[in-house]
Amino acid sequence: MDFHQGDCIRLAAPPSADTSGSPVDNQLYQVISIDPDGGRCWLRRWPMAPKGSPVFELDLQHLQASTAPSRFGATWGT
């Protein structure tokens, strides 16, 4: 599954949680940056809060295994 800067995604489970395949919440996250060589990506909640949303780092392998990509709030696939 390919992800690109600007994509909005839904996380199936946080990195530290046991992944059951069901969404943790209905929150969208925007892909800010991807480092394919380092295997990392940076995300923030979307839409952003009025004073901004903190950016956090996530292992790209986990992201690819546990998310369904969407653009502008429309889910692809399912």
N, C-alpha and C. Protein backbone atom coordinates (compact mmCIF):
# COMPACT_ATOMS: atom_id res chain seq x y z
N MET A 1 0.85 -1.16 0.00
CA MET A 1 0.00 0.00 0.00
C MET A 1 0.90 1.23 0.00
N ASP A 2 0.64 2.17 -0.88
CA ASP A 2 1.47 3.37 -0.97
C ASP A 2 0.79 4.54 -0.27
N PHE A 3 1.58 5.29 0.44
CA PHE A 3 1.11 6.51 1.09
C PHE A 3 1.94 7.66 0.56
N HIS A 4 1.32 8.82 0.51
CA HIS A 4 1.99 10.00 -0.02
C HIS A 4 1.77 11.17 0.93
N GLN A 5 2.67 12.13 0.87
CA GLN A 5 2.52 13.33 1.66
C GLN A 5 1.17 13.97 1.36
N GLY A 6 0.43 14.33 2.40
CA GLY A 6 -0.88 14.95 2.25
C GLY A 6 -2.04 13.99 2.35
N ASP A 7 -1.79 12.67 2.22
CA ASP A 7 -2.86 11.68 2.37
C ASP A 7 -3.46 11.76 3.76
N CYS A 8 -4.76 11.52 3.87
CA CYS A 8 -5.42 11.41 5.16
C CYS A 8 -5.75 9.95 5.39
N ILE A 9 -5.41 9.46 6.59
CA ILE A 9 -5.56 8.05 6.89
C ILE A 9 -6.25 7.88 8.24
N ARG A 10 -6.76 6.69 8.49
CA ARG A 10 -7.32 6.32 9.78
C ARG A 10 -6.45 5.20 10.35
N LEU A 11 -6.04 5.36 11.60
CA LEU A 11 -5.22 4.35 12.25
C LEU A 11 -6.11 3.23 12.78
N ALA A 12 -5.70 1.99 12.56
CA ALA A 12 -6.44 0.85 13.08
C ALA A 12 -6.14 0.65 14.56
N ALA A 13 -4.93 0.93 14.99
CA ALA A 13 -4.55 0.80 16.40
C ALA A 13 -3.28 1.62 16.61
N PRO A 14 -3.12 2.16 17.82
CA PRO A 14 -1.87 2.88 18.09
C PRO A 14 -0.70 1.91 18.07
N PRO A 15 0.51 2.39 17.85
CA PRO A 15 1.67 1.51 17.73
C PRO A 15 1.87 0.58 18.92
N SER A 16 1.51 1.00 20.12
CA SER A 16 1.74 0.17 21.31
C SER A 16 0.59 -0.78 21.61
N ALA A 17 -0.50 -0.70 20.87
CA ALA A 17 -1.69 -1.51 21.17
C ALA A 17 -1.68 -2.81 20.40
N ASP A 18 -2.43 -3.76 20.89
CA ASP A 18 -2.64 -5.02 20.20
C ASP A 18 -3.59 -4.74 19.04
N THR A 19 -3.18 -5.02 17.82
CA THR A 19 -4.01 -4.70 16.66
C THR A 19 -5.04 -5.78 16.41
N SER A 20 -6.30 -5.41 16.51
CA SER A 20 -7.39 -6.35 16.27
C SER A 20 -8.02 -6.13 14.91
N GLY A 21 -7.59 -5.08 14.21
CA GLY A 21 -8.14 -4.79 12.90
C GLY A 21 -9.29 -3.81 12.91
N SER A 22 -9.84 -3.51 14.10
CA SER A 22 -10.95 -2.57 14.17
C SER A 22 -10.42 -1.18 14.53
N PRO A 23 -11.02 -0.13 14.00
CA PRO A 23 -10.52 1.21 14.26
C PRO A 23 -10.55 1.57 15.73
N VAL A 24 -9.53 2.28 16.19
CA VAL A 24 -9.47 2.75 17.56
C VAL A 24 -10.43 3.91 17.73
N ASP A 25 -10.46 4.80 16.78
CA ASP A 25 -11.40 5.91 16.76
C ASP A 25 -11.66 6.26 15.30
N ASN A 26 -12.45 7.24 15.09
CA ASN A 26 -12.80 7.63 13.73
C ASN A 26 -11.97 8.83 13.28
N GLN A 27 -10.87 9.11 13.99
CA GLN A 27 -10.05 10.28 13.74
C GLN A 27 -9.22 10.12 12.48
N LEU A 28 -9.16 11.18 11.70
CA LEU A 28 -8.28 11.22 10.53
C LEU A 28 -6.93 11.78 10.94
N TYR A 29 -5.88 11.30 10.27
CA TYR A 29 -4.52 11.80 10.45
C TYR A 29 -3.97 12.12 9.08
N GLN A 30 -3.24 13.22 8.98
CA GLN A 30 -2.64 13.62 7.71
C GLN A 30 -1.17 13.22 7.70
N VAL A 31 -0.73 12.63 6.59
CA VAL A 31 0.67 12.26 6.42
C VAL A 31 1.44 13.55 6.10
N ILE A 32 2.38 13.90 6.97
CA ILE A 32 3.16 15.12 6.82
C ILE A 32 4.42 14.85 6.01
N SER A 33 5.10 13.75 6.33
CA SER A 33 6.35 13.43 5.67
C SER A 33 6.59 11.93 5.76
N ILE A 34 7.32 11.39 4.79
CA ILE A 34 7.66 9.97 4.76
C ILE A 34 9.15 9.83 4.48
N ASP A 35 9.81 8.99 5.28
CA ASP A 35 11.22 8.66 5.07
C ASP A 35 11.30 7.17 4.76
N PRO A 36 11.17 6.78 3.47
CA PRO A 36 11.15 5.36 3.14
C PRO A 36 12.47 4.65 3.47
N ASP A 37 13.60 5.35 3.37
CA ASP A 37 14.89 4.74 3.69
C ASP A 37 15.01 4.45 5.19
N GLY A 38 14.48 5.36 6.01
CA GLY A 38 14.53 5.19 7.46
C GLY A 38 13.35 4.42 8.01
N GLY A 39 12.32 4.19 7.16
CA GLY A 39 11.15 3.44 7.58
C GLY A 39 10.25 4.18 8.57
N ARG A 40 10.24 5.51 8.49
CA ARG A 40 9.45 6.33 9.41
C ARG A 40 8.54 7.27 8.63
N CYS A 41 7.47 7.72 9.31
CA CYS A 41 6.62 8.76 8.74
C CYS A 41 6.16 9.66 9.88
N TRP A 42 5.66 10.83 9.52
CA TRP A 42 5.20 11.80 10.51
C TRP A 42 3.75 12.14 10.17
N LEU A 43 2.92 12.16 11.20
CA LEU A 43 1.48 12.38 11.05
C LEU A 43 1.01 13.48 12.00
N ARG A 44 -0.17 14.03 11.71
CA ARG A 44 -0.85 14.94 12.64
C ARG A 44 -2.35 14.72 12.48
N ARG A 45 -3.10 15.02 13.53
CA ARG A 45 -4.56 14.91 13.45
C ARG A 45 -5.10 15.87 12.40
N TRP A 46 -6.15 15.42 11.74
CA TRP A 46 -6.79 16.22 10.71
C TRP A 46 -8.29 16.21 10.92
N PRO A 47 -9.00 17.32 10.84
CA PRO A 47 -8.47 18.64 10.55
C PRO A 47 -7.66 19.16 11.74
N MET A 48 -6.79 20.10 11.44
CA MET A 48 -5.93 20.65 12.48
C MET A 48 -6.75 21.46 13.48
N ALA A 49 -6.28 21.47 14.71
CA ALA A 49 -6.87 22.32 15.75
C ALA A 49 -6.59 23.78 15.40
N PRO A 50 -7.38 24.72 15.93
CA PRO A 50 -7.17 26.14 15.61
C PRO A 50 -5.74 26.63 15.84
N LYS A 51 -5.06 26.09 16.84
CA LYS A 51 -3.68 26.51 17.10
C LYS A 51 -2.68 25.47 16.63
N GLY A 52 -3.10 24.59 15.74
CA GLY A 52 -2.21 23.57 15.18
C GLY A 52 -2.37 22.22 15.88
N SER A 53 -1.89 21.19 15.25
CA SER A 53 -1.93 19.84 15.80
C SER A 53 -0.50 19.31 15.90
N PRO A 54 -0.15 18.70 17.04
CA PRO A 54 1.20 18.17 17.17
C PRO A 54 1.48 17.07 16.15
N VAL A 55 2.71 17.03 15.69
CA VAL A 55 3.15 16.01 14.75
C VAL A 55 3.80 14.88 15.55
N PHE A 56 3.53 13.63 15.16
CA PHE A 56 4.16 12.50 15.82
C PHE A 56 4.72 11.55 14.78
N GLU A 57 5.70 10.78 15.21
CA GLU A 57 6.41 9.85 14.33
C GLU A 57 5.83 8.45 14.50
N LEU A 58 5.80 7.70 13.40
CA LEU A 58 5.27 6.34 13.42
C LEU A 58 6.11 5.48 12.49
N ASP A 59 6.32 4.24 12.88
CA ASP A 59 7.04 3.29 12.05
C ASP A 59 6.23 3.03 10.79
N LEU A 60 6.82 3.20 9.63
CA LEU A 60 6.13 3.06 8.35
C LEU A 60 5.57 1.66 8.16
N GLN A 61 6.29 0.65 8.64
CA GLN A 61 5.82 -0.73 8.51
C GLN A 61 4.49 -0.91 9.25
N HIS A 62 4.38 -0.34 10.44
CA HIS A 62 3.13 -0.43 11.20
C HIS A 62 2.01 0.31 10.48
N LEU A 63 2.33 1.46 9.95
CA LEU A 63 1.34 2.26 9.24
C LEU A 63 0.79 1.49 8.05
N GLN A 64 1.64 0.86 7.27
CA GLN A 64 1.20 0.13 6.10
C GLN A 64 0.36 -1.08 6.47
N ALA A 65 0.60 -1.66 7.63
CA ALA A 65 -0.13 -2.86 8.03
C ALA A 65 -1.45 -2.55 8.70
N SER A 66 -1.66 -1.29 9.13
CA SER A 66 -2.82 -1.06 9.99
C SER A 66 -3.70 0.13 9.60
N THR A 67 -3.60 0.62 8.38
CA THR A 67 -4.40 1.78 8.01
C THR A 67 -5.09 1.59 6.67
N ALA A 68 -6.13 2.35 6.49
CA ALA A 68 -6.81 2.41 5.20
C ALA A 68 -6.69 3.83 4.71
N PRO A 69 -6.07 4.07 3.55
CA PRO A 69 -5.87 5.45 3.11
C PRO A 69 -7.17 6.11 2.68
N SER A 70 -7.23 7.39 2.85
CA SER A 70 -8.36 8.16 2.36
C SER A 70 -7.85 9.53 1.97
N ARG A 71 -8.55 10.18 1.12
CA ARG A 71 -8.23 11.56 0.74
C ARG A 71 -9.44 12.41 1.03
N PHE A 72 -9.18 13.50 1.73
CA PHE A 72 -10.22 14.48 2.01
C PHE A 72 -11.44 13.84 2.67
N GLY A 73 -11.20 12.85 3.52
CA GLY A 73 -12.26 12.25 4.32
C GLY A 73 -13.01 11.11 3.63
N ALA A 74 -12.72 10.80 2.40
CA ALA A 74 -13.41 9.71 1.71
C ALA A 74 -12.55 8.45 1.77
N THR A 75 -13.07 7.39 2.33
CA THR A 75 -12.31 6.16 2.52
C THR A 75 -12.20 5.40 1.20
N TRP A 76 -11.00 4.90 0.90
CA TRP A 76 -10.79 4.08 -0.29
C TRP A 76 -10.95 2.62 0.07
N GLY A 77 -11.47 1.84 -0.82
CA GLY A 77 -11.53 0.39 -0.64
C GLY A 77 -12.77 -0.06 0.08
N THR A 78 -12.71 -0.12 1.40
CA THR A 78 -13.79 -0.72 2.18
C THR A 78 -15.04 0.00 2.09
